[in-house]
Amino acid sequence: MLLGCVRKRITLVCDQLNTHALASLYAAFEPVEAARLVGKLELVHRPKHGSWLNMAEPELSVLTRQCLRRRMAKAASIASEAMQWATQRNAAQSGTDWHFTTKQARITLKYLYPKIRT
């Protein structure tokens, strides 16, 4: 490795789909190109059950709407404003108001519930 050379890697957050593996690149590209891409990518798979993305996605949406809706010239400005926003949001103990009730879940997800015969 050359001194002063920065090797950039791209981190991808993936679900558990069988095509979300680095080996899939070899099926789609020539071996030399696939090897080049594999060297640049890092795959992070989300948990199979109990996805943290269900909590993170709405929070990122709120961050975008409340804080990052405008153009900012520097990454440092974005980081600073996002940190201030997060500090205020955490201090306010902001949470999520889920509207999916148990009754709705039993209808929508009935295939997950056991059949009880009376």
PDB file of N, CA and C in Angstrom:
ATOM      1  N   MET A   1       0.847  -1.186   0.000  1.00  0.00           N
ATOM      2  CA  MET A   1       0.000   0.000   0.000  1.00  0.00           C
ATOM      3  C   MET A   1       0.885   1.240   0.000  1.00  0.00           C
ATOM      4  N   LEU A   2       0.549   2.189  -0.814  1.00  0.00           N
ATOM      5  CA  LEU A   2       1.312   3.428  -0.897  1.00  0.00           C
ATOM      6  C   LEU A   2       0.997   4.329   0.286  1.00  0.00           C
ATOM      7  N   LEU A   3       2.012   5.012   0.791  1.00  0.00           N
ATOM      8  CA  LEU A   3       1.783   5.956   1.878  1.00  0.00           C
ATOM      9  C   LEU A   3       0.967   7.128   1.366  1.00  0.00           C
ATOM     10  N   GLY A   4       0.022   7.572   2.169  1.00  0.00           N
ATOM     11  CA  GLY A   4      -0.807   8.696   1.789  1.00  0.00           C
ATOM     12  C   GLY A   4      -1.981   8.313   0.900  1.00  0.00           C
ATOM     13  N   CYS A   5      -2.058   7.076   0.499  1.00  0.00           N
ATOM     14  CA  CYS A   5      -3.151   6.614  -0.354  1.00  0.00           C
ATOM     15  C   CYS A   5      -4.315   6.192   0.538  1.00  0.00           C
ATOM     16  N   VAL A   6      -5.457   6.752   0.320  1.00  0.00           N
ATOM     17  CA  VAL A   6      -6.633   6.415   1.110  1.00  0.00           C
ATOM     18  C   VAL A   6      -7.497   5.468   0.295  1.00  0.00           C
ATOM     19  N   ARG A   7      -7.772   4.327   0.855  1.00  0.00           N
ATOM     20  CA  ARG A   7      -8.617   3.349   0.182  1.00  0.00           C
ATOM     21  C   ARG A   7     -10.034   3.513   0.708  1.00  0.00           C
ATOM     22  N   LYS A   8     -10.925   3.907  -0.171  1.00  0.00           N
ATOM     23  CA  LYS A   8     -12.317   4.125   0.236  1.00  0.00           C
ATOM     24  C   LYS A   8     -13.109   2.838   0.098  1.00  0.00           C
ATOM     25  N   ARG A   9     -13.924   2.558   1.115  1.00  0.00           N
ATOM     26  CA  ARG A   9     -14.813   1.401   1.079  1.00  0.00           C
ATOM     27  C   ARG A   9     -16.245   1.905   1.185  1.00  0.00           C
ATOM     28  N   ILE A  10     -17.143   1.198   0.570  1.00  0.00           N
ATOM     29  CA  ILE A  10     -18.558   1.532   0.612  1.00  0.00           C
ATOM     30  C   ILE A  10     -19.238   0.490   1.484  1.00  0.00           C
ATOM     31  N   THR A  11     -19.954   0.948   2.503  1.00  0.00           N
ATOM     32  CA  THR A  11     -20.672   0.045   3.392  1.00  0.00           C
ATOM     33  C   THR A  11     -22.132   0.019   2.970  1.00  0.00           C
ATOM     34  N   LEU A  12     -22.637  -1.171   2.688  1.00  0.00           N
ATOM     35  CA  LEU A  12     -24.036  -1.352   2.311  1.00  0.00           C
ATOM     36  C   LEU A  12     -24.759  -2.117   3.403  1.00  0.00           C
ATOM     37  N   VAL A  13     -25.890  -1.593   3.855  1.00  0.00           N
ATOM     38  CA  VAL A  13     -26.720  -2.309   4.820  1.00  0.00           C
ATOM     39  C   VAL A  13     -27.752  -3.084   4.017  1.00  0.00           C
ATOM     40  N   CYS A  14     -27.755  -4.392   4.186  1.00  0.00           N
ATOM     41  CA  CYS A  14     -28.609  -5.273   3.378  1.00  0.00           C
ATOM     42  C   CYS A  14     -29.539  -6.083   4.271  1.00  0.00           C
ATOM     43  N   ASP A  15     -30.611  -6.555   3.685  1.00  0.00           N
ATOM     44  CA  ASP A  15     -31.454  -7.496   4.394  1.00  0.00           C
ATOM     45  C   ASP A  15     -30.935  -8.907   4.110  1.00  0.00           C
ATOM     46  N   GLN A  16     -31.704  -9.907   4.464  1.00  0.00           N
ATOM     47  CA  GLN A  16     -31.234 -11.291   4.378  1.00  0.00           C
ATOM     48  C   GLN A  16     -31.523 -11.956   3.032  1.00  0.00           C
ATOM     49  N   LEU A  17     -31.812 -11.180   2.004  1.00  0.00           N
ATOM     50  CA  LEU A  17     -32.094 -11.744   0.689  1.00  0.00           C
ATOM     51  C   LEU A  17     -30.866 -12.509   0.185  1.00  0.00           C
ATOM     52  N   ASN A  18     -31.104 -13.649  -0.446  1.00  0.00           N
ATOM     53  CA  ASN A  18     -29.985 -14.504  -0.849  1.00  0.00           C
ATOM     54  C   ASN A  18     -29.080 -13.859  -1.894  1.00  0.00           C
ATOM     55  N   THR A  19     -29.559 -12.882  -2.641  1.00  0.00           N
ATOM     56  CA  THR A  19     -28.714 -12.214  -3.636  1.00  0.00           C
ATOM     57  C   THR A  19     -27.853 -11.118  -3.021  1.00  0.00           C
ATOM     58  N   HIS A  20     -28.078 -10.806  -1.752  1.00  0.00           N
ATOM     59  CA  HIS A  20     -27.296  -9.765  -1.085  1.00  0.00           C
ATOM     60  C   HIS A  20     -26.030 -10.368  -0.487  1.00  0.00           C
ATOM     61  N   ALA A  21     -25.203 -10.890  -1.354  1.00  0.00           N
ATOM     62  CA  ALA A  21     -23.919 -11.467  -0.959  1.00  0.00           C
ATOM     63  C   ALA A  21     -22.889 -11.053  -2.000  1.00  0.00           C
ATOM     64  N   LEU A  22     -21.660 -10.953  -1.578  1.00  0.00           N
ATOM     65  CA  LEU A  22     -20.610 -10.543  -2.498  1.00  0.00           C
ATOM     66  C   LEU A  22     -20.442 -11.540  -3.638  1.00  0.00           C
ATOM     67  N   ALA A  23     -20.767 -12.800  -3.389  1.00  0.00           N
ATOM     68  CA  ALA A  23     -20.651 -13.820  -4.439  1.00  0.00           C
ATOM     69  C   ALA A  23     -21.560 -13.511  -5.626  1.00  0.00           C
ATOM     70  N   SER A  24     -22.655 -12.793  -5.401  1.00  0.00           N
ATOM     71  CA  SER A  24     -23.574 -12.443  -6.487  1.00  0.00           C
ATOM     72  C   SER A  24     -22.912 -11.547  -7.531  1.00  0.00           C
ATOM     73  N   LEU A  25     -21.893 -10.811  -7.122  1.00  0.00           N
ATOM     74  CA  LEU A  25     -21.194  -9.954  -8.075  1.00  0.00           C
ATOM     75  C   LEU A  25     -20.492 -10.781  -9.152  1.00  0.00           C
ATOM     76  N   TYR A  26     -20.028 -11.962  -8.766  1.00  0.00           N
ATOM     77  CA  TYR A  26     -19.346 -12.826  -9.742  1.00  0.00           C
ATOM     78  C   TYR A  26     -20.316 -13.402 -10.758  1.00  0.00           C
ATOM     79  N   ALA A  27     -21.587 -13.480 -10.399  1.00  0.00           N
ATOM     80  CA  ALA A  27     -22.606 -13.949 -11.344  1.00  0.00           C
ATOM     81  C   ALA A  27     -22.999 -12.840 -12.321  1.00  0.00           C
ATOM     82  N   ALA A  28     -22.837 -11.585 -11.882  1.00  0.00           N
ATOM     83  CA  ALA A  28     -23.285 -10.458 -12.697  1.00  0.00           C
ATOM     84  C   ALA A  28     -22.173  -9.807 -13.526  1.00  0.00           C
ATOM     85  N   PHE A  29     -20.920  -9.939 -13.081  1.00  0.00           N
ATOM     86  CA  PHE A  29     -19.813  -9.257 -13.750  1.00  0.00           C
ATOM     87  C   PHE A  29     -18.705 -10.243 -14.113  1.00  0.00           C
ATOM     88  N   GLU A  30     -17.819  -9.770 -14.955  1.00  0.00           N
ATOM     89  CA  GLU A  30     -16.614 -10.540 -15.265  1.00  0.00           C
ATOM     90  C   GLU A  30     -15.788 -10.669 -13.981  1.00  0.00           C
ATOM     91  N   PRO A  31     -15.003 -11.742 -13.836  1.00  0.00           N
ATOM     92  CA  PRO A  31     -14.257 -11.956 -12.586  1.00  0.00           C
ATOM     93  C   PRO A  31     -13.369 -10.788 -12.150  1.00  0.00           C
ATOM     94  N   VAL A  32     -12.692 -10.141 -13.083  1.00  0.00           N
ATOM     95  CA  VAL A  32     -11.801  -9.029 -12.717  1.00  0.00           C
ATOM     96  C   VAL A  32     -12.610  -7.866 -12.145  1.00  0.00           C
ATOM     97  N   GLU A  33     -13.717  -7.528 -12.795  1.00  0.00           N
ATOM     98  CA  GLU A  33     -14.570  -6.428 -12.319  1.00  0.00           C
ATOM     99  C   GLU A  33     -15.224  -6.803 -10.997  1.00  0.00           C
ATOM    100  N   ALA A  34     -15.686  -8.041 -10.864  1.00  0.00           N
ATOM    101  CA  ALA A  34     -16.303  -8.485  -9.614  1.00  0.00           C
ATOM    102  C   ALA A  34     -15.307  -8.393  -8.465  1.00  0.00           C
ATOM    103  N   ALA A  35     -14.069  -8.813  -8.695  1.00  0.00           N
ATOM    104  CA  ALA A  35     -13.042  -8.746  -7.653  1.00  0.00           C
ATOM    105  C   ALA A  35     -12.757  -7.292  -7.265  1.00  0.00           C
ATOM    106  N   ARG A  36     -12.745  -6.391  -8.230  1.00  0.00           N
ATOM    107  CA  ARG A  36     -12.539  -4.969  -7.945  1.00  0.00           C
ATOM    108  C   ARG A  36     -13.655  -4.430  -7.056  1.00  0.00           C
ATOM    109  N   LEU A  37     -14.908  -4.778  -7.390  1.00  0.00           N
ATOM    110  CA  LEU A  37     -16.047  -4.321  -6.602  1.00  0.00           C
ATOM    111  C   LEU A  37     -16.043  -4.928  -5.200  1.00  0.00           C
ATOM    112  N   VAL A  38     -15.714  -6.211  -5.097  1.00  0.00           N
ATOM    113  CA  VAL A  38     -15.658  -6.871  -3.793  1.00  0.00           C
ATOM    114  C   VAL A  38     -14.653  -6.172  -2.884  1.00  0.00           C
ATOM    115  N   GLY A  39     -13.548  -5.709  -3.457  1.00  0.00           N
ATOM    116  CA  GLY A  39     -12.545  -4.996  -2.679  1.00  0.00           C
ATOM    117  C   GLY A  39     -13.009  -3.646  -2.173  1.00  0.00           C
ATOM    118  N   LYS A  40     -14.031  -3.075  -2.786  1.00  0.00           N
ATOM    119  CA  LYS A  40     -14.528  -1.751  -2.389  1.00  0.00           C
ATOM    120  C   LYS A  40     -15.752  -1.817  -1.479  1.00  0.00           C
ATOM    121  N   LEU A  41     -16.416  -2.977  -1.435  1.00  0.00           N
ATOM    122  CA  LEU A  41     -17.675  -3.070  -0.706  1.00  0.00           C
ATOM    123  C   LEU A  41     -17.526  -3.791   0.627  1.00  0.00           C
ATOM    124  N   GLU A  42     -18.307  -3.328   1.585  1.00  0.00           N
ATOM    125  CA  GLU A  42     -18.453  -4.024   2.854  1.00  0.00           C
ATOM    126  C   GLU A  42     -19.951  -4.193   3.074  1.00  0.00           C
ATOM    127  N   LEU A  43     -20.414  -5.421   3.190  1.00  0.00           N
ATOM    128  CA  LEU A  43     -21.833  -5.680   3.413  1.00  0.00           C
ATOM    129  C   LEU A  43     -22.092  -5.855   4.895  1.00  0.00           C
ATOM    130  N   VAL A  44     -23.112  -5.184   5.398  1.00  0.00           N
ATOM    131  CA  VAL A  44     -23.565  -5.343   6.772  1.00  0.00           C
ATOM    132  C   VAL A  44     -25.007  -5.819   6.679  1.00  0.00           C
ATOM    133  N   HIS A  45     -25.267  -7.010   7.179  1.00  0.00           N
ATOM    134  CA  HIS A  45     -26.624  -7.562   7.106  1.00  0.00           C
ATOM    135  C   HIS A  45     -27.392  -7.224   8.374  1.00  0.00           C
ATOM    136  N   ARG A  46     -28.602  -6.764   8.187  1.00  0.00           N
ATOM    137  CA  ARG A  46     -29.451  -6.454   9.340  1.00  0.00           C
ATOM    138  C   ARG A  46     -29.908  -7.766   9.975  1.00  0.00           C
ATOM    139  N   PRO A  47     -30.331  -7.712  11.239  1.00  0.00           N
ATOM    140  CA  PRO A  47     -30.793  -8.941  11.899  1.00  0.00           C
ATOM    141  C   PRO A  47     -31.984  -9.554  11.161  1.00  0.00           C
ATOM    142  N   LYS A  48     -32.066 -10.868  11.207  1.00  0.00           N
ATOM    143  CA  LYS A  48     -33.144 -11.566  10.523  1.00  0.00           C
ATOM    144  C   LYS A  48     -34.496 -11.247  11.178  1.00  0.00           C
ATOM    145  N   HIS A  49     -34.513 -11.202  12.490  1.00  0.00           N
ATOM    146  CA  HIS A  49     -35.746 -10.922  13.235  1.00  0.00           C
ATOM    147  C   HIS A  49     -35.528  -9.688  14.105  1.00  0.00           C
ATOM    148  N   GLY A  50     -36.564  -8.903  14.296  1.00  0.00           N
ATOM    149  CA  GLY A  50     -36.469  -7.727  15.153  1.00  0.00           C
ATOM    150  C   GLY A  50     -35.614  -6.639  14.538  1.00  0.00           C
ATOM    151  N   SER A  51     -35.966  -6.207  13.367  1.00  0.00           N
ATOM    152  CA  SER A  51     -35.154  -5.260  12.624  1.00  0.00           C
ATOM    153  C   SER A  51     -35.054  -3.910  13.329  1.00  0.00           C
ATOM    154  N   TRP A  52     -33.817  -3.460  13.546  1.00  0.00           N
ATOM    155  CA  TRP A  52     -33.594  -2.120  14.093  1.00  0.00           C
ATOM    156  C   TRP A  52     -33.924  -1.062  13.064  1.00  0.00           C
ATOM    157  N   LEU A  53     -34.009  -1.477  11.780  1.00  0.00           N
ATOM    158  CA  LEU A  53     -34.349  -0.503  10.744  1.00  0.00           C
ATOM    159  C   LEU A  53     -35.764   0.032  10.922  1.00  0.00           C
ATOM    160  N   ASN A  54     -36.648  -0.767  11.527  1.00  0.00           N
ATOM    161  CA  ASN A  54     -38.014  -0.303  11.766  1.00  0.00           C
ATOM    162  C   ASN A  54     -38.025   0.905  12.697  1.00  0.00           C
ATOM    163  N   MET A  55     -37.011   1.024  13.534  1.00  0.00           N
ATOM    164  CA  MET A  55     -36.912   2.179  14.429  1.00  0.00           C
ATOM    165  C   MET A  55     -36.066   3.286  13.799  1.00  0.00           C
ATOM    166  N   ALA A  56     -35.043   2.920  13.057  1.00  0.00           N
ATOM    167  CA  ALA A  56     -34.118   3.908  12.512  1.00  0.00           C
ATOM    168  C   ALA A  56     -34.708   4.692  11.345  1.00  0.00           C
ATOM    169  N   GLU A  57     -35.459   4.032  10.482  1.00  0.00           N
ATOM    170  CA  GLU A  57     -35.993   4.704   9.298  1.00  0.00           C
ATOM    171  C   GLU A  57     -36.906   5.880   9.634  1.00  0.00           C
ATOM    172  N   PRO A  58     -37.875   5.734  10.545  1.00  0.00           N
ATOM    173  CA  PRO A  58     -38.700   6.910  10.880  1.00  0.00           C
ATOM    174  C   PRO A  58     -37.877   8.038  11.500  1.00  0.00           C
ATOM    175  N   GLU A  59     -36.883   7.694  12.306  1.00  0.00           N
ATOM    176  CA  GLU A  59     -36.059   8.730  12.940  1.00  0.00           C
ATOM    177  C   GLU A  59     -35.237   9.484  11.895  1.00  0.00           C
ATOM    178  N   LEU A  60     -34.708   8.776  10.913  1.00  0.00           N
ATOM    179  CA  LEU A  60     -33.982   9.440   9.835  1.00  0.00           C
ATOM    180  C   LEU A  60     -34.901  10.324   8.999  1.00  0.00           C
ATOM    181  N   SER A  61     -36.144   9.896   8.842  1.00  0.00           N
ATOM    182  CA  SER A  61     -37.122  10.707   8.117  1.00  0.00           C
ATOM    183  C   SER A  61     -37.394  12.015   8.858  1.00  0.00           C
ATOM    184  N   VAL A  62     -37.543  11.941  10.178  1.00  0.00           N
ATOM    185  CA  VAL A  62     -37.766  13.149  10.978  1.00  0.00           C
ATOM    186  C   VAL A  62     -36.540  14.056  10.912  1.00  0.00           C
ATOM    187  N   LEU A  63     -35.348  13.468  11.006  1.00  0.00           N
ATOM    188  CA  LEU A  63     -34.115  14.253  10.899  1.00  0.00           C
ATOM    189  C   LEU A  63     -34.072  15.006   9.576  1.00  0.00           C
ATOM    190  N   THR A  64     -34.419  14.338   8.499  1.00  0.00           N
ATOM    191  CA  THR A  64     -34.392  14.964   7.182  1.00  0.00           C
ATOM    192  C   THR A  64     -35.394  16.119   7.111  1.00  0.00           C
ATOM    193  N   ARG A  65     -36.612  15.888   7.606  1.00  0.00           N
ATOM    194  CA  ARG A  65     -37.641  16.931   7.533  1.00  0.00           C
ATOM    195  C   ARG A  65     -37.355  18.112   8.441  1.00  0.00           C
ATOM    196  N   GLN A  66     -36.844  17.849   9.636  1.00  0.00           N
ATOM    197  CA  GLN A  66     -36.674  18.916  10.618  1.00  0.00           C
ATOM    198  C   GLN A  66     -35.328  19.624  10.547  1.00  0.00           C
ATOM    199  N   CYS A  67     -34.321  18.972  10.009  1.00  0.00           N
ATOM    200  CA  CYS A  67     -32.976  19.516  10.134  1.00  0.00           C
ATOM    201  C   CYS A  67     -32.229  19.644   8.806  1.00  0.00           C
ATOM    202  N   LEU A  68     -32.388  18.695   7.932  1.00  0.00           N
ATOM    203  CA  LEU A  68     -31.527  18.631   6.748  1.00  0.00           C
ATOM    204  C   LEU A  68     -32.243  18.942   5.442  1.00  0.00           C
ATOM    205  N   ARG A  69     -33.306  19.690   5.496  1.00  0.00           N
ATOM    206  CA  ARG A  69     -34.109  19.946   4.305  1.00  0.00           C
ATOM    207  C   ARG A  69     -33.430  20.916   3.332  1.00  0.00           C
ATOM    208  N   ARG A  70     -32.489  21.660   3.786  1.00  0.00           N
ATOM    209  CA  ARG A  70     -31.846  22.658   2.926  1.00  0.00           C
ATOM    210  C   ARG A  70     -30.429  22.218   2.554  1.00  0.00           C
ATOM    211  N   ARG A  71     -29.863  22.901   1.590  1.00  0.00           N
ATOM    212  CA  ARG A  71     -28.489  22.600   1.164  1.00  0.00           C
ATOM    213  C   ARG A  71     -27.502  23.155   2.185  1.00  0.00           C
ATOM    214  N   MET A  72     -26.456  22.383   2.442  1.00  0.00           N
ATOM    215  CA  MET A  72     -25.385  22.838   3.328  1.00  0.00           C
ATOM    216  C   MET A  72     -24.065  22.624   2.608  1.00  0.00           C
ATOM    217  N   ALA A  73     -23.188  23.609   2.708  1.00  0.00           N
ATOM    218  CA  ALA A  73     -21.946  23.590   1.927  1.00  0.00           C
ATOM    219  C   ALA A  73     -20.915  22.602   2.443  1.00  0.00           C
ATOM    220  N   LYS A  74     -20.881  22.365   3.746  1.00  0.00           N
ATOM    221  CA  LYS A  74     -19.807  21.555   4.310  1.00  0.00           C
ATOM    222  C   LYS A  74     -20.354  20.405   5.153  1.00  0.00           C
ATOM    223  N   ALA A  75     -19.639  19.286   5.104  1.00  0.00           N
ATOM    224  CA  ALA A  75     -20.026  18.112   5.892  1.00  0.00           C
ATOM    225  C   ALA A  75     -19.993  18.430   7.387  1.00  0.00           C
ATOM    226  N   ALA A  76     -19.063  19.273   7.801  1.00  0.00           N
ATOM    227  CA  ALA A  76     -18.968  19.647   9.213  1.00  0.00           C
ATOM    228  C   ALA A  76     -20.234  20.362   9.668  1.00  0.00           C
ATOM    229  N   SER A  77     -20.830  21.184   8.804  1.00  0.00           N
ATOM    230  CA  SER A  77     -22.083  21.880   9.135  1.00  0.00           C
ATOM    231  C   SER A  77     -23.205  20.870   9.329  1.00  0.00           C
ATOM    232  N   ILE A  78     -23.262  19.892   8.456  1.00  0.00           N
ATOM    233  CA  ILE A  78     -24.299  18.861   8.551  1.00  0.00           C
ATOM    234  C   ILE A  78     -24.144  18.097   9.860  1.00  0.00           C
ATOM    235  N   ALA A  79     -22.920  17.676  10.164  1.00  0.00           N
ATOM    236  CA  ALA A  79     -22.662  16.910  11.388  1.00  0.00           C
ATOM    237  C   ALA A  79     -23.016  17.721  12.624  1.00  0.00           C
ATOM    238  N   SER A  80     -22.633  19.007  12.634  1.00  0.00           N
ATOM    239  CA  SER A  80     -22.909  19.871  13.780  1.00  0.00           C
ATOM    240  C   SER A  80     -24.409  20.058  13.987  1.00  0.00           C
ATOM    241  N   GLU A  81     -25.123  20.360  12.917  1.00  0.00           N
ATOM    242  CA  GLU A  81     -26.568  20.581  13.039  1.00  0.00           C
ATOM    243  C   GLU A  81     -27.305  19.298  13.397  1.00  0.00           C
ATOM    244  N   ALA A  82     -26.889  18.176  12.830  1.00  0.00           N
ATOM    245  CA  ALA A  82     -27.526  16.897  13.161  1.00  0.00           C
ATOM    246  C   ALA A  82     -27.292  16.554  14.627  1.00  0.00           C
ATOM    247  N   MET A  83     -26.095  16.840  15.147  1.00  0.00           N
ATOM    248  CA  MET A  83     -25.796  16.567  16.555  1.00  0.00           C
ATOM    249  C   MET A  83     -26.649  17.441  17.470  1.00  0.00           C
ATOM    250  N   GLN A  84     -26.802  18.729  17.122  1.00  0.00           N
ATOM    251  CA  GLN A  84     -27.661  19.618  17.912  1.00  0.00           C
ATOM    252  C   GLN A  84     -29.104  19.124  17.894  1.00  0.00           C
ATOM    253  N   TRP A  85     -29.572  18.721  16.716  1.00  0.00           N
ATOM    254  CA  TRP A  85     -30.936  18.211  16.586  1.00  0.00           C
ATOM    255  C   TRP A  85     -31.117  16.968  17.448  1.00  0.00           C
ATOM    256  N   ALA A  86     -30.157  16.031  17.386  1.00  0.00           N
ATOM    257  CA  ALA A  86     -30.248  14.787  18.152  1.00  0.00           C
ATOM    258  C   ALA A  86     -30.250  15.063  19.655  1.00  0.00           C
ATOM    259  N   THR A  87     -29.424  16.010  20.083  1.00  0.00           N
ATOM    260  CA  THR A  87     -29.365  16.359  21.509  1.00  0.00           C
ATOM    261  C   THR A  87     -30.713  16.892  21.986  1.00  0.00           C
ATOM    262  N   GLN A  88     -31.314  17.780  21.202  1.00  0.00           N
ATOM    263  CA  GLN A  88     -32.631  18.333  21.563  1.00  0.00           C
ATOM    264  C   GLN A  88     -33.707  17.247  21.540  1.00  0.00           C
ATOM    265  N   ARG A  89     -33.670  16.399  20.536  1.00  0.00           N
ATOM    266  CA  ARG A  89     -34.685  15.336  20.416  1.00  0.00           C
ATOM    267  C   ARG A  89     -34.561  14.337  21.560  1.00  0.00           C
ATOM    268  N   ASN A  90     -33.338  13.989  21.922  1.00  0.00           N
ATOM    269  CA  ASN A  90     -33.134  13.060  23.039  1.00  0.00           C
ATOM    270  C   ASN A  90     -33.551  13.680  24.359  1.00  0.00           C
ATOM    271  N   ALA A  91     -33.258  14.968  24.557  1.00  0.00           N
ATOM    272  CA  ALA A  91     -33.646  15.659  25.793  1.00  0.00           C
ATOM    273  C   ALA A  91     -35.162  15.722  25.922  1.00  0.00           C
ATOM    274  N   ALA A  92     -35.843  15.841  24.799  1.00  0.00           N
ATOM    275  CA  ALA A  92     -37.313  15.909  24.817  1.00  0.00           C
ATOM    276  C   ALA A  92     -37.946  14.529  24.947  1.00  0.00           C
ATOM    277  N   GLN A  93     -37.118  13.476  24.940  1.00  0.00           N
ATOM    278  CA  GLN A  93     -37.611  12.095  25.025  1.00  0.00           C
ATOM    279  C   GLN A  93     -38.654  11.808  23.936  1.00  0.00           C
ATOM    280  N   SER A  94     -38.363  12.273  22.728  1.00  0.00           N
ATOM    281  CA  SER A  94     -39.270  12.056  21.603  1.00  0.00           C
ATOM    282  C   SER A  94     -39.336  10.573  21.286  1.00  0.00           C
ATOM    283  N   GLY A  95     -40.522  10.111  20.999  1.00  0.00           N
ATOM    284  CA  GLY A  95     -40.704   8.692  20.693  1.00  0.00           C
ATOM    285  C   GLY A  95     -41.568   8.507  19.467  1.00  0.00           C
ATOM    286  N   THR A  96     -41.951   7.288  19.253  1.00  0.00           N
ATOM    287  CA  THR A  96     -42.783   6.943  18.108  1.00  0.00           C
ATOM    288  C   THR A  96     -44.177   6.598  18.595  1.00  0.00           C
ATOM    289  N   ASP A  97     -45.169   7.133  17.939  1.00  0.00           N
ATOM    290  CA  ASP A  97     -46.566   6.839  18.272  1.00  0.00           C
ATOM    291  C   ASP A  97     -47.074   5.824  17.252  1.00  0.00           C
ATOM    292  N   TRP A  98     -47.011   4.555  17.621  1.00  0.00           N
ATOM    293  CA  TRP A  98     -47.432   3.496  16.710  1.00  0.00           C
ATOM    294  C   TRP A  98     -48.957   3.475  16.617  1.00  0.00           C
ATOM    295  N   HIS A  99     -49.470   3.382  15.412  1.00  0.00           N
ATOM    296  CA  HIS A  99     -50.914   3.370  15.202  1.00  0.00           C
ATOM    297  C   HIS A  99     -51.442   1.984  14.845  1.00  0.00           C
ATOM    298  N   PHE A 100     -50.581   0.994  14.879  1.00  0.00           N
ATOM    299  CA  PHE A 100     -50.958  -0.372  14.531  1.00  0.00           C
ATOM    300  C   PHE A 100     -51.374  -1.063  15.821  1.00  0.00           C
ATOM    301  N   THR A 101     -52.684  -1.235  16.017  1.00  0.00           N
ATOM    302  CA  THR A 101     -53.185  -1.785  17.263  1.00  0.00           C
ATOM    303  C   THR A 101     -53.127  -3.313  17.256  1.00  0.00           C
ATOM    304  N   THR A 102     -53.298  -3.891  18.432  1.00  0.00           N
ATOM    305  CA  THR A 102     -53.300  -5.349  18.551  1.00  0.00           C
ATOM    306  C   THR A 102     -54.444  -5.941  17.730  1.00  0.00           C
ATOM    307  N   LYS A 103     -55.593  -5.282  17.746  1.00  0.00           N
ATOM    308  CA  LYS A 103     -56.745  -5.767  16.977  1.00  0.00           C
ATOM    309  C   LYS A 103     -56.421  -5.778  15.475  1.00  0.00           C
ATOM    310  N   GLN A 104     -55.801  -4.698  14.985  1.00  0.00           N
ATOM    311  CA  GLN A 104     -55.413  -4.642  13.570  1.00  0.00           C
ATOM    312  C   GLN A 104     -54.369  -5.719  13.255  1.00  0.00           C
ATOM    313  N   ALA A 105     -53.447  -5.937  14.176  1.00  0.00           N
ATOM    314  CA  ALA A 105     -52.415  -6.950  13.963  1.00  0.00           C
ATOM    315  C   ALA A 105     -53.030  -8.334  13.844  1.00  0.00           C
ATOM    316  N   ARG A 106     -54.035  -8.613  14.657  1.00  0.00           N
ATOM    317  CA  ARG A 106     -54.666  -9.933  14.603  1.00  0.00           C
ATOM    318  C   ARG A 106     -55.394 -10.161  13.281  1.00  0.00           C
ATOM    319  N   ILE A 107     -55.847  -9.084  12.651  1.00  0.00           N
ATOM    320  CA  ILE A 107     -56.507  -9.208  11.345  1.00  0.00           C
ATOM    321  C   ILE A 107     -55.457  -9.286  10.242  1.00  0.00           C
ATOM    322  N   THR A 108     -54.537  -8.343  10.233  1.00  0.00           N
ATOM    323  CA  THR A 108     -53.539  -8.262   9.170  1.00  0.00           C
ATOM    324  C   THR A 108     -52.553  -9.422   9.212  1.00  0.00           C
ATOM    325  N   LEU A 109     -52.177  -9.829  10.415  1.00  0.00           N
ATOM    326  CA  LEU A 109     -51.165 -10.880  10.577  1.00  0.00           C
ATOM    327  C   LEU A 109     -51.770 -12.191  11.081  1.00  0.00           C
ATOM    328  N   LYS A 110     -53.009 -12.447  10.691  1.00  0.00           N
ATOM    329  CA  LYS A 110     -53.703 -13.616  11.228  1.00  0.00           C
ATOM    330  C   LYS A 110     -52.978 -14.928  10.936  1.00  0.00           C
ATOM    331  N   TYR A 111     -52.207 -14.948   9.865  1.00  0.00           N
ATOM    332  CA  TYR A 111     -51.480 -16.176   9.519  1.00  0.00           C
ATOM    333  C   TYR A 111     -50.376 -16.488  10.546  1.00  0.00           C
ATOM    334  N   LEU A 112     -49.983 -15.514  11.371  1.00  0.00           N
ATOM    335  CA  LEU A 112     -48.959 -15.722  12.387  1.00  0.00           C
ATOM    336  C   LEU A 112     -49.527 -16.214  13.721  1.00  0.00           C
ATOM    337  N   TYR A 113     -50.823 -16.036  13.907  1.00  0.00           N
ATOM    338  CA  TYR A 113     -51.439 -16.394  15.163  1.00  0.00           C
ATOM    339  C   TYR A 113     -51.953 -17.836  15.115  1.00  0.00           C
ATOM    340  N   PRO A 114     -51.803 -18.566  16.231  1.00  0.00           N
ATOM    341  CA  PRO A 114     -52.314 -19.949  16.239  1.00  0.00           C
ATOM    342  C   PRO A 114     -53.832 -19.965  16.211  1.00  0.00           C
ATOM    343  N   LYS A 115     -54.362 -21.011  15.619  1.00  0.00           N
ATOM    344  CA  LYS A 115     -55.820 -21.188  15.573  1.00  0.00           C
ATOM    345  C   LYS A 115     -56.256 -21.884  16.859  1.00  0.00           C
ATOM    346  N   ILE A 116     -57.100 -21.251  17.628  1.00  0.00           N
ATOM    347  CA  ILE A 116     -57.584 -21.815  18.890  1.00  0.00           C
ATOM    348  C   ILE A 116     -59.015 -22.252  18.694  1.00  0.00           C
ATOM    349  N   ARG A 117     -59.245 -23.504  18.964  1.00  0.00           N
ATOM    350  CA  ARG A 117     -60.609 -24.044  18.811  1.00  0.00           C
ATOM    351  C   ARG A 117     -61.257 -24.114  20.174  1.00  0.00           C
ATOM    352  N   THR A 118     -62.496 -23.602  20.237  1.00  0.00           N
ATOM    353  CA  THR A 118     -63.221 -23.626  21.505  1.00  0.00           C
ATOM    354  C   THR A 118     -64.387 -24.553  21.444  1.00  0.00           C
TER     355      THR A 118
END
